[in-house]
Amino acid sequence: MSDDRLIVALDVPDVLSGLDLVGRLGDEVSFYKIGLGMLTGGGLALANELKGEYGKRIFLDMKLFDIGATVEAAVRGLAQFDLDFLTVHGDPHVVRAAKQGAAGSDVKILAVTILTSLDRDDLDAAMIEAGDIPDLVATRAGRAFEAGADGVIASPNEAALIRALPEAEGRLIVTPGVRPVGAETGDQKRIATPAQAIRDGADHVVVGRPIHRAADPRAAAQGILAELASPQARQANRTA
């Protein structure tokens, strides 16, 4: 059985490309992320197909943000797709509305803290309050948990800080911005290796380009899975 701690991001143009990648990865990967870039390329149809016909787990990365009533309605509609994870922005009013919309379904609401492609200069340009990013992420995560989030999205650099929060007990930490040693960082600015992310408290790592751009995506996924199962990924304070 595959290790669902690895979530592969289907950051490809359309359904056919997505199905091709899933076919190449085969039984090695059981969990896939479908984001905004795939939405107009048939992302929801692909989610249905992967769930219903392939038995895969699905993380729909929509990063919803709007007034509470709109978020609640959107989540209620999306919950009909039998999703596993759905992202919203981590503002408490958004999280509360999303949880209301998800009521009666099994979808886990994950709150985005600060995007892994942003650094302090980016936050300054957006007029986000001063402070070190790890501290801001931990504060935002704590408030999202208090609002009812089932988990948070944060860079692996902040995983240990979040895991140490009392509010994080029993909650999920999902980390994009994960790169195997030697992989190109691309637009990610706060990164770590898969083993480091899991060791610091992440439950799942999200990997896209290092897999789907590899000459042999299956071999690339196998390498990451081997790292997740290695002693280097063992968590000192949790069951490995």
Protein backbone atom coordinates (compact mmCIF):
# COMPACT_ATOMS: atom_id res chain seq x y z
CA MET A 1 0.00 0.00 0.00
CA SER A 2 1.37 3.43 -0.90
CA ASP A 3 2.39 6.03 1.68
CA ASP A 4 -0.23 8.77 1.60
CA ARG A 5 2.06 11.20 3.39
CA LEU A 6 3.19 12.09 -0.14
CA ILE A 7 0.66 14.24 -2.00
CA VAL A 8 1.54 14.78 -5.65
CA ALA A 9 0.44 18.11 -7.10
CA LEU A 10 -1.19 17.68 -10.50
CA ASP A 11 0.05 21.05 -11.73
CA VAL A 12 -0.46 20.07 -15.36
CA PRO A 13 -2.61 21.77 -18.02
CA ASP A 14 -5.63 19.48 -18.36
CA VAL A 15 -7.36 16.23 -17.49
CA LEU A 16 -5.55 14.17 -20.12
CA SER A 17 -2.16 15.32 -18.82
CA GLY A 18 -3.30 14.57 -15.29
CA LEU A 19 -4.47 11.08 -16.13
CA ASP A 20 -1.24 10.42 -17.99
CA LEU A 21 0.82 11.36 -14.94
CA VAL A 22 -1.38 9.31 -12.62
CA GLY A 23 -0.96 6.33 -14.96
CA ARG A 24 2.81 6.72 -14.97
CA LEU A 25 2.93 6.88 -11.19
CA GLY A 26 0.63 3.89 -10.80
CA ASP A 27 0.22 2.39 -7.33
CA GLU A 28 3.20 4.31 -5.98
CA VAL A 29 1.02 7.37 -5.26
CA SER A 30 -2.40 7.37 -3.62
CA PHE A 31 -2.98 11.07 -2.88
CA TYR A 32 -3.21 13.93 -5.39
CA LYS A 33 -3.63 17.70 -5.19
CA ILE A 34 -5.71 19.55 -7.78
CA GLY A 35 -5.34 23.33 -7.70
CA LEU A 36 -6.61 26.47 -9.36
CA GLY A 37 -4.37 26.03 -12.39
CA MET A 38 -6.22 22.83 -13.28
CA LEU A 39 -9.70 24.15 -12.48
CA THR A 40 -10.50 25.41 -16.00
CA GLY A 41 -8.85 22.31 -17.47
CA GLY A 42 -11.44 19.98 -15.96
CA GLY A 43 -10.10 19.75 -12.43
CA LEU A 44 -13.37 18.82 -10.75
CA ALA A 45 -14.07 16.14 -13.34
CA LEU A 46 -10.58 14.79 -12.79
CA ALA A 47 -11.13 14.77 -9.02
CA ASN A 48 -14.28 12.71 -9.52
CA GLU A 49 -12.56 10.26 -11.84
CA LEU A 50 -9.52 9.77 -9.63
CA LYS A 51 -11.71 9.26 -6.59
CA GLY A 52 -14.39 7.07 -8.11
CA GLU A 53 -12.49 5.00 -10.67
CA TYR A 54 -8.94 4.96 -9.32
CA GLY A 55 -9.61 5.01 -5.57
CA LYS A 56 -7.24 7.92 -4.98
CA ARG A 57 -7.46 10.49 -2.20
CA ILE A 58 -8.06 14.07 -3.37
CA PHE A 59 -6.85 17.41 -2.03
CA LEU A 60 -8.65 20.29 -3.75
CA ASP A 61 -6.49 23.37 -3.33
CA MET A 62 -8.86 26.28 -3.95
CA LYS A 63 -7.65 28.70 -1.23
CA LEU A 64 -11.16 30.12 -0.91
CA PHE A 65 -11.53 33.65 0.40
CA ASP A 66 -14.71 35.74 0.48
CA ILE A 67 -17.45 36.84 2.83
CA GLY A 68 -18.67 34.11 5.14
CA ALA A 69 -21.93 33.33 3.35
CA THR A 70 -20.17 32.89 0.01
CA VAL A 71 -17.44 30.66 1.45
CA GLU A 72 -20.04 28.53 3.22
CA ALA A 73 -22.04 28.08 0.02
CA ALA A 74 -18.94 27.28 -2.04
CA VAL A 75 -17.72 24.68 0.43
CA ARG A 76 -21.16 23.10 0.66
CA GLY A 77 -21.15 22.68 -3.10
CA LEU A 78 -17.59 21.35 -3.27
CA ALA A 79 -18.20 18.91 -0.42
CA GLN A 80 -20.49 16.98 -2.77
CA PHE A 81 -17.39 15.84 -4.67
CA ASP A 82 -16.29 13.49 -1.86
CA LEU A 83 -13.02 15.34 -1.30
CA ASP A 84 -10.49 14.53 1.39
CA PHE A 85 -8.90 18.00 1.86
CA LEU A 86 -10.04 21.48 0.83
CA THR A 87 -8.10 24.70 1.40
CA VAL A 88 -9.37 28.10 2.44
CA HIS A 89 -7.49 31.18 3.56
CA GLY A 90 -6.70 31.10 7.27
CA ASP A 91 -8.72 34.13 8.36
CA PRO A 92 -10.94 32.96 11.24
CA HIS A 93 -14.20 34.13 9.63
CA VAL A 94 -13.34 32.17 6.48
CA VAL A 95 -12.46 29.03 8.43
CA ARG A 96 -15.67 29.17 10.49
CA ALA A 97 -17.78 29.59 7.36
CA ALA A 98 -15.97 26.75 5.61
CA LYS A 99 -16.56 24.41 8.53
CA GLN A 100 -20.26 25.25 8.42
CA GLY A 101 -20.34 24.51 4.71
CA ALA A 102 -18.52 21.20 5.23
CA ALA A 103 -20.91 20.02 7.95
CA GLY A 104 -22.14 16.50 7.31
CA SER A 105 -19.26 15.64 4.97
CA ASP A 106 -15.87 14.03 5.52
CA VAL A 107 -13.85 16.81 3.87
CA LYS A 108 -11.08 18.26 6.05
CA ILE A 109 -10.79 22.05 5.96
CA LEU A 110 -7.16 23.18 5.78
CA ALA A 111 -6.31 26.82 6.45
CA VAL A 112 -3.58 28.52 4.44
CA THR A 113 -1.20 30.48 6.69
CA ILE A 114 1.36 32.32 4.50
CA LEU A 115 2.14 31.11 0.99
CA THR A 116 5.47 29.31 0.64
CA SER A 117 6.38 31.53 -2.32
CA LEU A 118 6.42 34.65 -0.11
CA ASP A 119 9.19 36.13 1.98
CA ARG A 120 9.33 39.19 4.24
CA ASP A 121 9.81 41.57 1.31
CA ASP A 122 6.63 40.23 -0.28
CA LEU A 123 4.71 40.70 2.96
CA ASP A 124 5.99 44.25 3.29
CA ALA A 125 4.82 45.01 -0.25
CA ALA A 126 1.38 43.67 0.69
CA MET A 127 1.36 45.77 3.87
CA ILE A 128 1.21 42.70 6.12
CA GLU A 129 2.12 43.45 9.74
CA ALA A 130 5.78 43.45 10.73
CA GLY A 131 7.37 40.40 12.28
CA ASP A 132 9.30 37.26 11.47
CA ILE A 133 7.45 34.94 9.12
CA PRO A 134 7.65 31.86 11.38
CA ASP A 135 6.03 33.80 14.23
CA LEU A 136 3.31 35.16 11.95
CA VAL A 137 2.63 31.69 10.56
CA ALA A 138 2.39 30.16 14.03
CA THR A 139 0.00 32.87 15.19
CA ARG A 140 -2.15 32.51 12.09
CA ALA A 141 -2.19 28.72 12.50
CA GLY A 142 -3.27 29.00 16.13
CA ARG A 143 -6.14 31.30 15.24
CA ALA A 144 -7.23 28.98 12.42
CA PHE A 145 -7.26 26.02 14.80
CA GLU A 146 -9.32 28.02 17.29
CA ALA A 147 -11.79 28.77 14.48
CA GLY A 148 -12.16 25.03 13.81
CA ALA A 149 -9.67 24.23 11.04
CA ASP A 150 -8.87 20.54 10.71
CA GLY A 151 -5.35 21.45 9.71
CA VAL A 152 -3.13 24.11 8.18
CA ILE A 153 -0.97 24.66 5.14
CA ALA A 154 2.47 26.06 5.96
CA SER A 155 6.01 25.80 4.71
CA PRO A 156 8.15 23.04 6.23
CA ASN A 157 10.22 25.77 7.90
CA GLU A 158 7.32 26.45 10.29
CA ALA A 159 6.15 22.86 10.87
CA ALA A 160 7.93 22.43 14.21
CA LEU A 161 6.60 25.71 15.59
CA ILE A 162 3.05 24.81 14.62
CA ARG A 163 3.31 21.26 15.93
CA ALA A 164 4.36 22.66 19.30
CA LEU A 165 1.15 24.71 19.63
CA PRO A 166 -1.34 23.28 22.16
CA GLU A 167 -4.09 23.92 19.61
CA ALA A 168 -2.31 21.68 17.08
CA GLU A 169 -3.05 18.50 19.00
CA GLY A 170 -4.87 16.14 16.66
CA ARG A 171 -4.72 18.61 13.74
CA LEU A 172 -3.04 18.20 10.37
CA ILE A 173 0.02 20.03 9.05
CA VAL A 174 0.45 19.87 5.28
CA THR A 175 3.61 21.32 3.79
CA PRO A 176 4.17 22.46 0.21
CA GLY A 177 7.55 23.94 -0.64
CA VAL A 178 9.16 20.51 -0.29
CA ARG A 179 12.14 19.77 -2.49
CA PRO A 180 14.41 16.72 -2.60
CA VAL A 181 18.12 17.48 -2.32
CA GLY A 182 19.39 18.89 -5.61
CA ALA A 183 15.96 19.80 -6.99
CA GLU A 184 15.35 23.27 -8.41
CA THR A 185 13.54 25.56 -5.97
CA GLY A 186 11.50 27.36 -8.65
CA ASP A 187 9.29 30.05 -7.09
CA GLN A 188 9.43 28.52 -3.62
CA LYS A 189 11.31 30.58 -1.01
CA ARG A 190 10.78 28.64 2.24
CA ILE A 191 11.68 25.04 1.52
CA ALA A 192 13.00 21.85 3.12
CA THR A 193 13.56 18.24 2.15
CA PRO A 194 10.77 15.66 2.56
CA ALA A 195 12.55 14.03 5.51
CA GLN A 196 13.04 17.36 7.28
CA ALA A 197 9.39 18.32 6.84
CA ILE A 198 8.12 15.04 8.32
CA ARG A 199 10.70 15.09 11.12
CA ASP A 200 9.56 18.58 12.10
CA GLY A 201 5.93 17.56 12.41
CA ALA A 202 4.28 17.59 8.98
CA ASP A 203 1.67 14.93 8.32
CA HIS A 204 1.80 15.29 4.53
CA VAL A 205 4.24 16.80 2.06
CA VAL A 206 3.10 18.22 -1.28
CA VAL A 207 5.46 17.77 -4.23
CA GLY A 208 4.76 18.85 -7.80
CA ARG A 209 7.46 19.89 -10.23
CA PRO A 210 10.24 17.59 -8.94
CA ILE A 211 7.94 14.71 -9.89
CA HIS A 212 5.93 15.77 -12.93
CA ARG A 213 8.91 17.42 -14.63
CA ALA A 214 11.22 14.48 -13.98
CA ALA A 215 12.33 12.31 -16.89
CA ASP A 216 10.96 9.37 -14.89
CA PRO A 217 8.18 10.60 -12.57
CA ARG A 218 7.68 7.17 -11.01
CA ALA A 219 11.35 6.93 -10.04
CA ALA A 220 11.23 10.48 -8.65
CA ALA A 221 8.20 9.59 -6.51
CA GLN A 222 9.87 6.39 -5.35
CA GLY A 223 12.90 8.37 -4.23
CA ILE A 224 10.74 10.71 -2.14
CA LEU A 225 8.78 7.80 -0.66
CA ALA A 226 12.03 6.10 0.31
CA GLU A 227 13.13 9.29 2.05
CA LEU A 228 9.84 9.51 3.95
CA ALA A 229 10.39 5.96 5.19
CA SER A 230 14.02 6.58 6.16
CA PRO A 231 15.40 7.10 9.68
CA GLN A 232 16.08 10.73 8.72
CA ALA A 233 12.31 11.35 8.66
CA ARG A 234 11.66 9.88 12.08
CA GLN A 235 9.92 12.28 14.44
CA ALA A 236 11.42 12.45 17.89
CA ASN A 237 8.16 13.38 19.61
CA ARG A 238 5.67 11.36 17.57
CA THR A 239 5.26 7.83 16.28
CA ALA A 240 7.40 7.38 13.18
